[in-house]
PDB file of all heavy atoms in Angstrom:
ATOM      1  N   SER A   1       0.827  -1.244  -0.002  1.00  0.00           N
ATOM      2  CA  SER A   1      -0.022   0.000   0.019  1.00  0.00           C
ATOM      3  C   SER A   1       0.834   1.256  -0.001  1.00  0.00           C
ATOM      4  O   SER A   1       0.348   2.329  -0.350  1.00  0.00           O
ATOM      5  CB  SER A   1      -0.959   0.018   1.207  1.00  0.00           C
ATOM      6  OG  SER A   1      -0.226   0.143   2.437  1.00  0.00           O
ATOM      7  N   VAL A   2       2.122   1.155   0.421  1.00  0.00           N
ATOM      8  CA  VAL A   2       2.977   2.320   0.462  1.00  0.00           C
ATOM      9  C   VAL A   2       3.937   2.391  -0.731  1.00  0.00           C
ATOM     10  O   VAL A   2       4.703   3.338  -0.847  1.00  0.00           O
ATOM     11  CB  VAL A   2       3.786   2.447   1.744  1.00  0.00           C
ATOM     12  CG1 VAL A   2       2.871   2.543   2.932  1.00  0.00           C
ATOM     13  CG2 VAL A   2       4.761   1.237   1.925  1.00  0.00           C
ATOM     14  N   ALA A   3       3.871   1.388  -1.624  1.00  0.00           N
ATOM     15  CA  ALA A   3       4.818   1.302  -2.728  1.00  0.00           C
ATOM     16  C   ALA A   3       4.692   2.542  -3.666  1.00  0.00           C
ATOM     17  O   ALA A   3       5.704   3.163  -4.042  1.00  0.00           O
ATOM     18  CB  ALA A   3       4.602   0.030  -3.529  1.00  0.00           C
ATOM     19  N   LEU A   4       3.449   2.900  -4.011  1.00  0.00           N
ATOM     20  CA  LEU A   4       3.272   4.059  -4.906  1.00  0.00           C
ATOM     21  C   LEU A   4       3.686   5.365  -4.283  1.00  0.00           C
ATOM     22  O   LEU A   4       4.386   6.169  -4.879  1.00  0.00           O
ATOM     23  CB  LEU A   4       1.825   4.120  -5.368  1.00  0.00           C
ATOM     24  CG  LEU A   4       1.456   3.238  -6.574  1.00  0.00           C
ATOM     25  CD1 LEU A   4      -0.036   3.399  -6.909  1.00  0.00           C
ATOM     26  CD2 LEU A   4       2.293   3.588  -7.791  1.00  0.00           C
ATOM     27  N   PRO A   5       3.260   5.645  -3.014  1.00  0.00           N
ATOM     28  CA  PRO A   5       3.724   6.884  -2.375  1.00  0.00           C
ATOM     29  C   PRO A   5       5.252   6.991  -2.280  1.00  0.00           C
ATOM     30  O   PRO A   5       5.826   8.053  -2.557  1.00  0.00           O
ATOM     31  CB  PRO A   5       3.067   6.841  -0.984  1.00  0.00           C
ATOM     32  CG  PRO A   5       1.858   6.028  -1.169  1.00  0.00           C
ATOM     33  CD  PRO A   5       2.250   5.006  -2.177  1.00  0.00           C
ATOM     34  N   VAL A   6       5.892   5.868  -1.906  1.00  0.00           N
ATOM     35  CA  VAL A   6       7.349   5.873  -1.810  1.00  0.00           C
ATOM     36  C   VAL A   6       8.007   6.111  -3.129  1.00  0.00           C
ATOM     37  O   VAL A   6       8.995   6.815  -3.254  1.00  0.00           O
ATOM     38  CB  VAL A   6       7.841   4.546  -1.150  1.00  0.00           C
ATOM     39  CG1 VAL A   6       9.363   4.416  -1.262  1.00  0.00           C
ATOM     40  CG2 VAL A   6       7.413   4.477   0.294  1.00  0.00           C
ATOM     41  N   LEU A   7       7.461   5.483  -4.176  1.00  0.00           N
ATOM     42  CA  LEU A   7       7.959   5.734  -5.518  1.00  0.00           C
ATOM     43  C   LEU A   7       7.856   7.203  -5.870  1.00  0.00           C
ATOM     44  O   LEU A   7       8.704   7.756  -6.577  1.00  0.00           O
ATOM     45  CB  LEU A   7       7.211   4.898  -6.545  1.00  0.00           C
ATOM     46  CG  LEU A   7       7.642   5.039  -8.001  1.00  0.00           C
ATOM     47  CD1 LEU A   7       9.096   4.597  -8.168  1.00  0.00           C
ATOM     48  CD2 LEU A   7       6.755   4.293  -8.950  1.00  0.00           C
ATOM     49  N   GLY A   8       6.797   7.869  -5.352  1.00  0.00           N
ATOM     50  CA  GLY A   8       6.648   9.273  -5.604  1.00  0.00           C
ATOM     51  C   GLY A   8       7.836  10.082  -5.111  1.00  0.00           C
ATOM     52  O   GLY A   8       8.376  10.925  -5.832  1.00  0.00           O
ATOM     53  N   ILE A   9       8.263   9.869  -3.848  1.00  0.00           N
ATOM     54  CA  ILE A   9       9.379  10.637  -3.307  1.00  0.00           C
ATOM     55  C   ILE A   9      10.698  10.208  -3.982  1.00  0.00           C
ATOM     56  O   ILE A   9      11.579  11.035  -4.178  1.00  0.00           O
ATOM     57  CB  ILE A   9       9.452  10.469  -1.775  1.00  0.00           C
ATOM     58  CG1 ILE A   9      10.376  11.502  -1.174  1.00  0.00           C
ATOM     59  CG2 ILE A   9       9.893   9.101  -1.367  1.00  0.00           C
ATOM     60  CD1 ILE A   9       9.855  12.958  -1.293  1.00  0.00           C
ATOM     61  N   LEU A  10      10.810   8.931  -4.373  1.00  0.00           N
ATOM     62  CA  LEU A  10      12.018   8.497  -5.053  1.00  0.00           C
ATOM     63  C   LEU A  10      12.120   9.072  -6.456  1.00  0.00           C
ATOM     64  O   LEU A  10      13.209   9.172  -6.995  1.00  0.00           O
ATOM     65  CB  LEU A  10      12.017   6.937  -5.157  1.00  0.00           C
ATOM     66  CG  LEU A  10      12.096   6.171  -3.864  1.00  0.00           C
ATOM     67  CD1 LEU A  10      12.138   4.685  -4.121  1.00  0.00           C
ATOM     68  CD2 LEU A  10      13.337   6.571  -3.051  1.00  0.00           C
ATOM     69  N   SER A  11      10.963   9.546  -7.009  1.00  0.00           N
ATOM     70  CA  SER A  11      11.009  10.111  -8.339  1.00  0.00           C
ATOM     71  C   SER A  11      11.759  11.422  -8.405  1.00  0.00           C
ATOM     72  O   SER A  11      12.048  11.914  -9.506  1.00  0.00           O
ATOM     73  CB  SER A  11       9.548  10.348  -8.777  1.00  0.00           C
ATOM     74  OG  SER A  11       8.833   9.134  -8.957  1.00  0.00           O
ATOM     75  N   LEU A  12      12.100  11.956  -7.239  1.00  0.00           N
ATOM     76  CA  LEU A  12      13.017  13.158  -7.236  1.00  0.00           C
ATOM     77  C   LEU A  12      14.316  12.842  -7.958  1.00  0.00           C
ATOM     78  O   LEU A  12      14.916  13.740  -8.551  1.00  0.00           O
ATOM     79  CB  LEU A  12      13.251  13.580  -5.806  1.00  0.00           C
ATOM     80  CG  LEU A  12      12.143  14.337  -5.081  1.00  0.00           C
ATOM     81  CD1 LEU A  12      12.495  14.436  -3.608  1.00  0.00           C
ATOM     82  CD2 LEU A  12      11.903  15.677  -5.674  1.00  0.00           C
ATOM     83  N   LEU A  13      14.741  11.594  -7.880  1.00  0.00           N
ATOM     84  CA  LEU A  13      15.975  11.207  -8.565  1.00  0.00           C
ATOM     85  C   LEU A  13      15.869  11.317 -10.069  1.00  0.00           C
ATOM     86  O   LEU A  13      16.874  11.477 -10.785  1.00  0.00           O
ATOM     87  CB  LEU A  13      16.327   9.738  -8.195  1.00  0.00           C
ATOM     88  CG  LEU A  13      16.718   9.505  -6.730  1.00  0.00           C
ATOM     89  CD1 LEU A  13      16.801   7.990  -6.474  1.00  0.00           C
ATOM     90  CD2 LEU A  13      17.979  10.219  -6.361  1.00  0.00           C
ATOM     91  N   LEU A  14      14.633  11.291 -10.598  1.00  0.00           N
ATOM     92  CA  LEU A  14      14.428  11.388 -12.050  1.00  0.00           C
ATOM     93  C   LEU A  14      14.772  12.781 -12.572  1.00  0.00           C
ATOM     94  O   LEU A  14      15.009  12.965 -13.749  1.00  0.00           O
ATOM     95  CB  LEU A  14      12.987  11.031 -12.436  1.00  0.00           C
ATOM     96  CG  LEU A  14      12.533   9.632 -12.126  1.00  0.00           C
ATOM     97  CD1 LEU A  14      11.063   9.464 -12.520  1.00  0.00           C
ATOM     98  CD2 LEU A  14      13.406   8.625 -12.878  1.00  0.00           C
ATOM     99  N   LEU A  15      14.807  13.776 -11.652  1.00  0.00           N
ATOM    100  CA  LEU A  15      15.046  15.150 -12.073  1.00  0.00           C
ATOM    101  C   LEU A  15      16.539  15.452 -12.057  1.00  0.00           C
ATOM    102  O   LEU A  15      16.973  16.579 -12.518  1.00  0.00           O
ATOM    103  CB  LEU A  15      14.338  16.106 -11.141  1.00  0.00           C
ATOM    104  CG  LEU A  15      12.788  15.950 -11.038  1.00  0.00           C
ATOM    105  CD1 LEU A  15      12.216  17.031 -10.153  1.00  0.00           C
ATOM    106  CD2 LEU A  15      12.161  15.988 -12.421  1.00  0.00           C
ATOM    107  N   LEU A  16      17.365  14.533 -11.506  1.00  0.00           N
ATOM    108  CA  LEU A  16      18.784  14.797 -11.446  1.00  0.00           C
ATOM    109  C   LEU A  16      19.426  14.577 -12.845  1.00  0.00           C
ATOM    110  O   LEU A  16      19.091  13.645 -13.542  1.00  0.00           O
ATOM    111  CB  LEU A  16      19.425  13.839 -10.436  1.00  0.00           C
ATOM    112  CG  LEU A  16      18.995  13.976  -8.977  1.00  0.00           C
ATOM    113  CD1 LEU A  16      19.744  12.931  -8.124  1.00  0.00           C
ATOM    114  CD2 LEU A  16      19.271  15.360  -8.466  1.00  0.00           C
ATOM    115  N   LYS A  17      20.324  15.432 -13.166  1.00  0.00           N
ATOM    116  CA  LYS A  17      21.098  15.274 -14.433  1.00  0.00           C
ATOM    117  C   LYS A  17      22.370  14.547 -14.086  1.00  0.00           C
ATOM    118  O   LYS A  17      23.430  15.111 -13.842  1.00  0.00           O
ATOM    119  CB  LYS A  17      21.381  16.641 -15.018  1.00  0.00           C
ATOM    120  CG  LYS A  17      20.145  17.416 -15.439  1.00  0.00           C
ATOM    121  CD  LYS A  17      20.502  18.771 -16.052  1.00  0.00           C
ATOM    122  CE  LYS A  17      19.231  19.484 -16.439  1.00  0.00           C
ATOM    123  NZ  LYS A  17      19.528  20.822 -17.071  1.00  0.00           N
ATOM    124  N   ILE A  18      22.273  13.219 -14.123  1.00  0.00           N
ATOM    125  CA  ILE A  18      23.428  12.363 -13.768  1.00  0.00           C
ATOM    126  C   ILE A  18      23.648  11.325 -14.860  1.00  0.00           C
ATOM    127  O   ILE A  18      22.744  10.814 -15.501  1.00  0.00           O
ATOM    128  CB  ILE A  18      23.181  11.639 -12.427  1.00  0.00           C
ATOM    129  CG1 ILE A  18      21.808  10.928 -12.439  1.00  0.00           C
ATOM    130  CG2 ILE A  18      23.245  12.587 -11.265  1.00  0.00           C
ATOM    131  CD1 ILE A  18      21.520  10.150 -11.169  1.00  0.00           C
ATOM    132  N   GLY A  19      24.914  11.015 -15.022  1.00  0.00           N
ATOM    133  CA  GLY A  19      25.324  10.014 -16.009  1.00  0.00           C
ATOM    134  C   GLY A  19      25.170   8.608 -15.468  1.00  0.00           C
ATOM    135  O   GLY A  19      25.041   8.422 -14.254  1.00  0.00           O
ATOM    136  N   LEU A  20      25.207   7.644 -16.320  1.00  0.00           N
ATOM    137  CA  LEU A  20      25.053   6.261 -15.924  1.00  0.00           C
ATOM    138  C   LEU A  20      26.124   5.793 -14.954  1.00  0.00           C
ATOM    139  O   LEU A  20      25.890   4.994 -14.052  1.00  0.00           O
ATOM    140  CB  LEU A  20      25.028   5.347 -17.165  1.00  0.00           C
ATOM    141  CG  LEU A  20      23.829   5.501 -18.101  1.00  0.00           C
ATOM    142  CD1 LEU A  20      23.944   4.556 -19.309  1.00  0.00           C
ATOM    143  CD2 LEU A  20      22.533   5.260 -17.371  1.00  0.00           C
ATOM    144  N   GLN A  21      27.361   6.288 -15.132  1.00  0.00           N
ATOM    145  CA  GLN A  21      28.439   5.889 -14.290  1.00  0.00           C
ATOM    146  C   GLN A  21      28.249   6.383 -12.853  1.00  0.00           C
ATOM    147  O   GLN A  21      28.707   5.737 -11.904  1.00  0.00           O
ATOM    148  CB  GLN A  21      29.787   6.390 -14.831  1.00  0.00           C
ATOM    149  CG  GLN A  21      30.160   5.784 -16.190  1.00  0.00           C
ATOM    150  CD  GLN A  21      31.465   6.334 -16.718  1.00  0.00           C
ATOM    151  OE1 GLN A  21      31.966   7.363 -16.258  1.00  0.00           O
ATOM    152  NE2 GLN A  21      32.068   5.623 -17.705  1.00  0.00           N
ATOM    153  N   SER A  22      27.605   7.494 -12.662  1.00  0.00           N
ATOM    154  CA  SER A  22      27.389   8.066 -11.342  1.00  0.00           C
ATOM    155  C   SER A  22      26.104   7.546 -10.711  1.00  0.00           C
ATOM    156  O   SER A  22      25.915   7.665  -9.507  1.00  0.00           O
ATOM    157  CB  SER A  22      27.315   9.589 -11.430  1.00  0.00           C
ATOM    158  OG  SER A  22      28.459  10.119 -12.035  1.00  0.00           O
ATOM    159  N   LEU A  23      25.238   6.972 -11.503  1.00  0.00           N
ATOM    160  CA  LEU A  23      23.897   6.580 -11.048  1.00  0.00           C
ATOM    161  C   LEU A  23      23.941   5.560  -9.894  1.00  0.00           C
ATOM    162  O   LEU A  23      23.344   5.774  -8.832  1.00  0.00           O
ATOM    163  CB  LEU A  23      23.070   6.031 -12.188  1.00  0.00           C
ATOM    164  CG  LEU A  23      21.654   5.568 -11.874  1.00  0.00           C
ATOM    165  CD1 LEU A  23      20.850   6.721 -11.274  1.00  0.00           C
ATOM    166  CD2 LEU A  23      20.974   4.991 -13.124  1.00  0.00           C
ATOM    167  N   SER A  24      24.690   4.484 -10.073  1.00  0.00           N
ATOM    168  CA  SER A  24      24.760   3.418  -9.066  1.00  0.00           C
ATOM    169  C   SER A  24      25.386   3.931  -7.749  1.00  0.00           C
ATOM    170  O   SER A  24      24.972   3.553  -6.693  1.00  0.00           O
ATOM    171  CB  SER A  24      25.537   2.211  -9.592  1.00  0.00           C
ATOM    172  OG  SER A  24      26.845   2.585  -9.951  1.00  0.00           O
ATOM    173  N   VAL A  25      26.387   4.823  -7.899  1.00  0.00           N
ATOM    174  CA  VAL A  25      27.041   5.386  -6.711  1.00  0.00           C
ATOM    175  C   VAL A  25      26.055   6.236  -5.921  1.00  0.00           C
ATOM    176  O   VAL A  25      25.956   6.118  -4.681  1.00  0.00           O
ATOM    177  CB  VAL A  25      28.243   6.246  -7.103  1.00  0.00           C
ATOM    178  CG1 VAL A  25      28.849   6.896  -5.870  1.00  0.00           C
ATOM    179  CG2 VAL A  25      29.295   5.376  -7.825  1.00  0.00           C
ATOM    180  N   ILE A  26      25.312   7.061  -6.600  1.00  0.00           N
ATOM    181  CA  ILE A  26      24.325   7.947  -5.942  1.00  0.00           C
ATOM    182  C   ILE A  26      23.248   7.108  -5.276  1.00  0.00           C
ATOM    183  O   ILE A  26      22.858   7.402  -4.129  1.00  0.00           O
ATOM    184  CB  ILE A  26      23.726   8.933  -6.965  1.00  0.00           C
ATOM    185  CG1 ILE A  26      24.784   9.927  -7.432  1.00  0.00           C
ATOM    186  CG2 ILE A  26      22.525   9.654  -6.377  1.00  0.00           C
ATOM    187  CD1 ILE A  26      24.319  10.870  -8.508  1.00  0.00           C
ATOM    188  N   VAL A  27      22.752   6.097  -5.942  1.00  0.00           N
ATOM    189  CA  VAL A  27      21.710   5.224  -5.387  1.00  0.00           C
ATOM    190  C   VAL A  27      22.215   4.509  -4.155  1.00  0.00           C
ATOM    191  O   VAL A  27      21.526   4.405  -3.119  1.00  0.00           O
ATOM    192  CB  VAL A  27      21.198   4.237  -6.419  1.00  0.00           C
ATOM    193  CG1 VAL A  27      20.299   3.186  -5.797  1.00  0.00           C
ATOM    194  CG2 VAL A  27      20.406   4.980  -7.493  1.00  0.00           C
ATOM    195  N   THR A  28      23.471   4.000  -4.204  1.00  0.00           N
ATOM    196  CA  THR A  28      24.045   3.310  -3.052  1.00  0.00           C
ATOM    197  C   THR A  28      24.176   4.258  -1.875  1.00  0.00           C
ATOM    198  O   THR A  28      23.859   3.906  -0.731  1.00  0.00           O
ATOM    199  CB  THR A  28      25.422   2.720  -3.415  1.00  0.00           C
ATOM    200  OG1 THR A  28      25.294   1.802  -4.502  1.00  0.00           O
ATOM    201  CG2 THR A  28      26.045   2.011  -2.227  1.00  0.00           C
ATOM    202  N   LEU A  29      24.654   5.483  -2.111  1.00  0.00           N
ATOM    203  CA  LEU A  29      24.775   6.461  -1.026  1.00  0.00           C
ATOM    204  C   LEU A  29      23.422   6.826  -0.477  1.00  0.00           C
ATOM    205  O   LEU A  29      23.274   7.053   0.716  1.00  0.00           O
ATOM    206  CB  LEU A  29      25.502   7.715  -1.581  1.00  0.00           C
ATOM    207  CG  LEU A  29      26.985   7.582  -1.895  1.00  0.00           C
ATOM    208  CD1 LEU A  29      27.530   8.858  -2.540  1.00  0.00           C
ATOM    209  CD2 LEU A  29      27.773   7.254  -0.607  1.00  0.00           C
ATOM    210  N   PHE A  30      22.416   6.880  -1.340  1.00  0.00           N
ATOM    211  CA  PHE A  30      21.051   7.226  -0.909  1.00  0.00           C
ATOM    212  C   PHE A  30      20.528   6.146   0.049  1.00  0.00           C
ATOM    213  O   PHE A  30      19.958   6.448   1.101  1.00  0.00           O
ATOM    214  CB  PHE A  30      20.133   7.369  -2.111  1.00  0.00           C
ATOM    215  CG  PHE A  30      18.708   7.577  -1.783  1.00  0.00           C
ATOM    216  CD1 PHE A  30      18.283   8.858  -1.364  1.00  0.00           C
ATOM    217  CD2 PHE A  30      17.758   6.575  -1.849  1.00  0.00           C
ATOM    218  CE1 PHE A  30      16.962   9.092  -1.029  1.00  0.00           C
ATOM    219  CE2 PHE A  30      16.460   6.792  -1.530  1.00  0.00           C
ATOM    220  CZ  PHE A  30      16.044   8.062  -1.103  1.00  0.00           C
ATOM    221  N   ILE A  31      20.700   4.856  -0.307  1.00  0.00           N
ATOM    222  CA  ILE A  31      20.257   3.758   0.532  1.00  0.00           C
ATOM    223  C   ILE A  31      21.000   3.772   1.873  1.00  0.00           C
ATOM    224  O   ILE A  31      20.377   3.612   2.939  1.00  0.00           O
ATOM    225  CB  ILE A  31      20.471   2.421  -0.187  1.00  0.00           C
ATOM    226  CG1 ILE A  31      19.580   2.346  -1.440  1.00  0.00           C
ATOM    227  CG2 ILE A  31      20.133   1.247   0.745  1.00  0.00           C
ATOM    228  CD1 ILE A  31      19.879   1.107  -2.328  1.00  0.00           C
ATOM    229  N   PHE A  32      22.311   3.980   1.812  1.00  0.00           N
ATOM    230  CA  PHE A  32      23.121   4.021   3.049  1.00  0.00           C
ATOM    231  C   PHE A  32      22.637   5.159   3.963  1.00  0.00           C
ATOM    232  O   PHE A  32      22.494   5.003   5.179  1.00  0.00           O
ATOM    233  CB  PHE A  32      24.565   4.220   2.651  1.00  0.00           C
ATOM    234  CG  PHE A  32      25.461   4.313   3.880  1.00  0.00           C
ATOM    235  CD1 PHE A  32      25.838   3.204   4.591  1.00  0.00           C
ATOM    236  CD2 PHE A  32      25.953   5.596   4.296  1.00  0.00           C
ATOM    237  CE1 PHE A  32      26.660   3.334   5.711  1.00  0.00           C
ATOM    238  CE2 PHE A  32      26.781   5.706   5.383  1.00  0.00           C
ATOM    239  CZ  PHE A  32      27.123   4.573   6.115  1.00  0.00           C
ATOM    240  N   THR A  33      22.331   6.339   3.352  1.00  0.00           N
ATOM    241  CA  THR A  33      21.881   7.490   4.145  1.00  0.00           C
ATOM    242  C   THR A  33      20.525   7.187   4.784  1.00  0.00           C
ATOM    243  O   THR A  33      20.296   7.546   5.945  1.00  0.00           O
ATOM    244  CB  THR A  33      21.781   8.721   3.272  1.00  0.00           C
ATOM    245  OG1 THR A  33      23.034   8.998   2.658  1.00  0.00           O
ATOM    246  CG2 THR A  33      21.333   9.923   4.086  1.00  0.00           C
ATOM    247  N   CYS A  34      19.648   6.527   4.069  1.00  0.00           N
ATOM    248  CA  CYS A  34      18.340   6.183   4.606  1.00  0.00           C
ATOM    249  C   CYS A  34      18.461   5.271   5.850  1.00  0.00           C
ATOM    250  O   CYS A  34      17.746   5.473   6.829  1.00  0.00           O
ATOM    251  CB  CYS A  34      17.493   5.476   3.556  1.00  0.00           C
ATOM    252  SG  CYS A  34      16.835   6.580   2.255  1.00  0.00           S
ATOM    253  N   PHE A  35      19.362   4.310   5.781  1.00  0.00           N
ATOM    254  CA  PHE A  35      19.586   3.435   6.904  1.00  0.00           C
ATOM    255  C   PHE A  35      20.249   4.157   8.068  1.00  0.00           C
ATOM    256  O   PHE A  35      19.950   3.941   9.232  1.00  0.00           O
ATOM    257  CB  PHE A  35      20.432   2.227   6.527  1.00  0.00           C
ATOM    258  CG  PHE A  35      19.635   1.065   6.028  1.00  0.00           C
ATOM    259  CD1 PHE A  35      19.482   0.849   4.677  1.00  0.00           C
ATOM    260  CD2 PHE A  35      19.070   0.183   6.934  1.00  0.00           C
ATOM    261  CE1 PHE A  35      18.748  -0.263   4.204  1.00  0.00           C
ATOM    262  CE2 PHE A  35      18.328  -0.906   6.467  1.00  0.00           C
ATOM    263  CZ  PHE A  35      18.157  -1.113   5.134  1.00  0.00           C
ATOM    264  N   LEU A  36      21.148   5.089   7.716  1.00  0.00           N
ATOM    265  CA  LEU A  36      21.880   5.884   8.734  1.00  0.00           C
ATOM    266  C   LEU A  36      20.863   6.733   9.532  1.00  0.00           C
ATOM    267  O   LEU A  36      21.048   6.938  10.728  1.00  0.00           O
ATOM    268  CB  LEU A  36      22.918   6.733   8.075  1.00  0.00           C
ATOM    269  CG  LEU A  36      23.967   7.353   9.004  1.00  0.00           C
ATOM    270  CD1 LEU A  36      24.822   6.291   9.670  1.00  0.00           C
ATOM    271  CD2 LEU A  36      24.864   8.325   8.192  1.00  0.00           C
ATOM    272  N   LEU A  37      19.828   7.223   8.888  1.00  0.00           N
ATOM    273  CA  LEU A  37      18.846   8.132   9.502  1.00  0.00           C
ATOM    274  C   LEU A  37      17.699   7.391  10.121  1.00  0.00           C
ATOM    275  O   LEU A  37      16.795   7.998  10.717  1.00  0.00           O
ATOM    276  CB  LEU A  37      18.312   9.128   8.444  1.00  0.00           C
ATOM    277  CG  LEU A  37      19.346  10.075   7.859  1.00  0.00           C
ATOM    278  CD1 LEU A  37      18.698  10.923   6.790  1.00  0.00           C
ATOM    279  CD2 LEU A  37      19.977  10.960   8.929  1.00  0.00           C
ATOM    280  N   LEU A  38      17.692   6.038  10.036  1.00  0.00           N
ATOM    281  CA  LEU A  38      16.620   5.235  10.606  1.00  0.00           C
ATOM    282  C   LEU A  38      16.611   5.346  12.149  1.00  0.00           C
ATOM    283  O   LEU A  38      17.612   5.167  12.784  1.00  0.00           O
ATOM    284  CB  LEU A  38      16.752   3.780  10.198  1.00  0.00           C
ATOM    285  CG  LEU A  38      15.542   2.857  10.324  1.00  0.00           C
ATOM    286  CD1 LEU A  38      14.402   3.354   9.406  1.00  0.00           C
ATOM    287  CD2 LEU A  38      15.919   1.429   9.956  1.00  0.00           C
ATOM    288  N   LYS A  39      15.429   5.622  12.706  1.00  0.00           N
ATOM    289  CA  LYS A  39      15.303   5.792  14.161  1.00  0.00           C
ATOM    290  C   LYS A  39      14.276   4.849  14.730  1.00  0.00           C
ATOM    291  O   LYS A  39      13.331   4.441  14.064  1.00  0.00           O
ATOM    292  CB  LYS A  39      14.892   7.239  14.456  1.00  0.00           C
ATOM    293  CG  LYS A  39      15.856   8.266  14.011  1.00  0.00           C
ATOM    294  CD  LYS A  39      15.396   9.675  14.363  1.00  0.00           C
ATOM    295  CE  LYS A  39      16.366  10.765  13.879  1.00  0.00           C
ATOM    296  NZ  LYS A  39      15.870  12.136  14.213  1.00  0.00           N
ATOM    297  N   LYS A  40      14.459   4.494  16.008  1.00  0.00           N
ATOM    298  CA  LYS A  40      13.515   3.595  16.683  1.00  0.00           C
ATOM    299  C   LYS A  40      12.220   4.321  17.068  1.00  0.00           C
ATOM    300  O   LYS A  40      11.142   3.756  17.020  1.00  0.00           O
ATOM    301  CB  LYS A  40      14.152   3.015  17.956  1.00  0.00           C
ATOM    302  CG  LYS A  40      15.269   2.016  17.670  1.00  0.00           C
ATOM    303  CD  LYS A  40      15.750   1.375  18.956  1.00  0.00           C
ATOM    304  CE  LYS A  40      16.845   0.328  18.651  1.00  0.00           C
ATOM    305  NZ  LYS A  40      17.354  -0.342  19.908  1.00  0.00           N
ATOM    306  N   ASP A  41      12.347   5.586  17.495  1.00  0.00           N
ATOM    307  CA  ASP A  41      11.214   6.395  17.864  1.00  0.00           C
ATOM    308  C   ASP A  41      11.169   7.679  17.006  1.00  0.00           C
ATOM    309  O   ASP A  41      11.570   8.765  17.450  1.00  0.00           O
ATOM    310  CB  ASP A  41      11.284   6.794  19.359  1.00  0.00           C
ATOM    311  CG  ASP A  41      11.293   5.570  20.217  1.00  0.00           C
ATOM    312  OD1 ASP A  41      10.406   4.717  20.105  1.00  0.00           O
ATOM    313  OD2 ASP A  41      12.193   5.451  21.084  1.00  0.00           O
TER     314      ASP A  41
END
């Protein structure tokens, strides 16, 4: 039920002017940052 809303916020990446070589690096850093900011409360 949250897949579409989450895809909405991830769509911000579609506006970035990035090359294919940088894409995987940026996505990896994004995932790492999301985990780093994960909180229990």
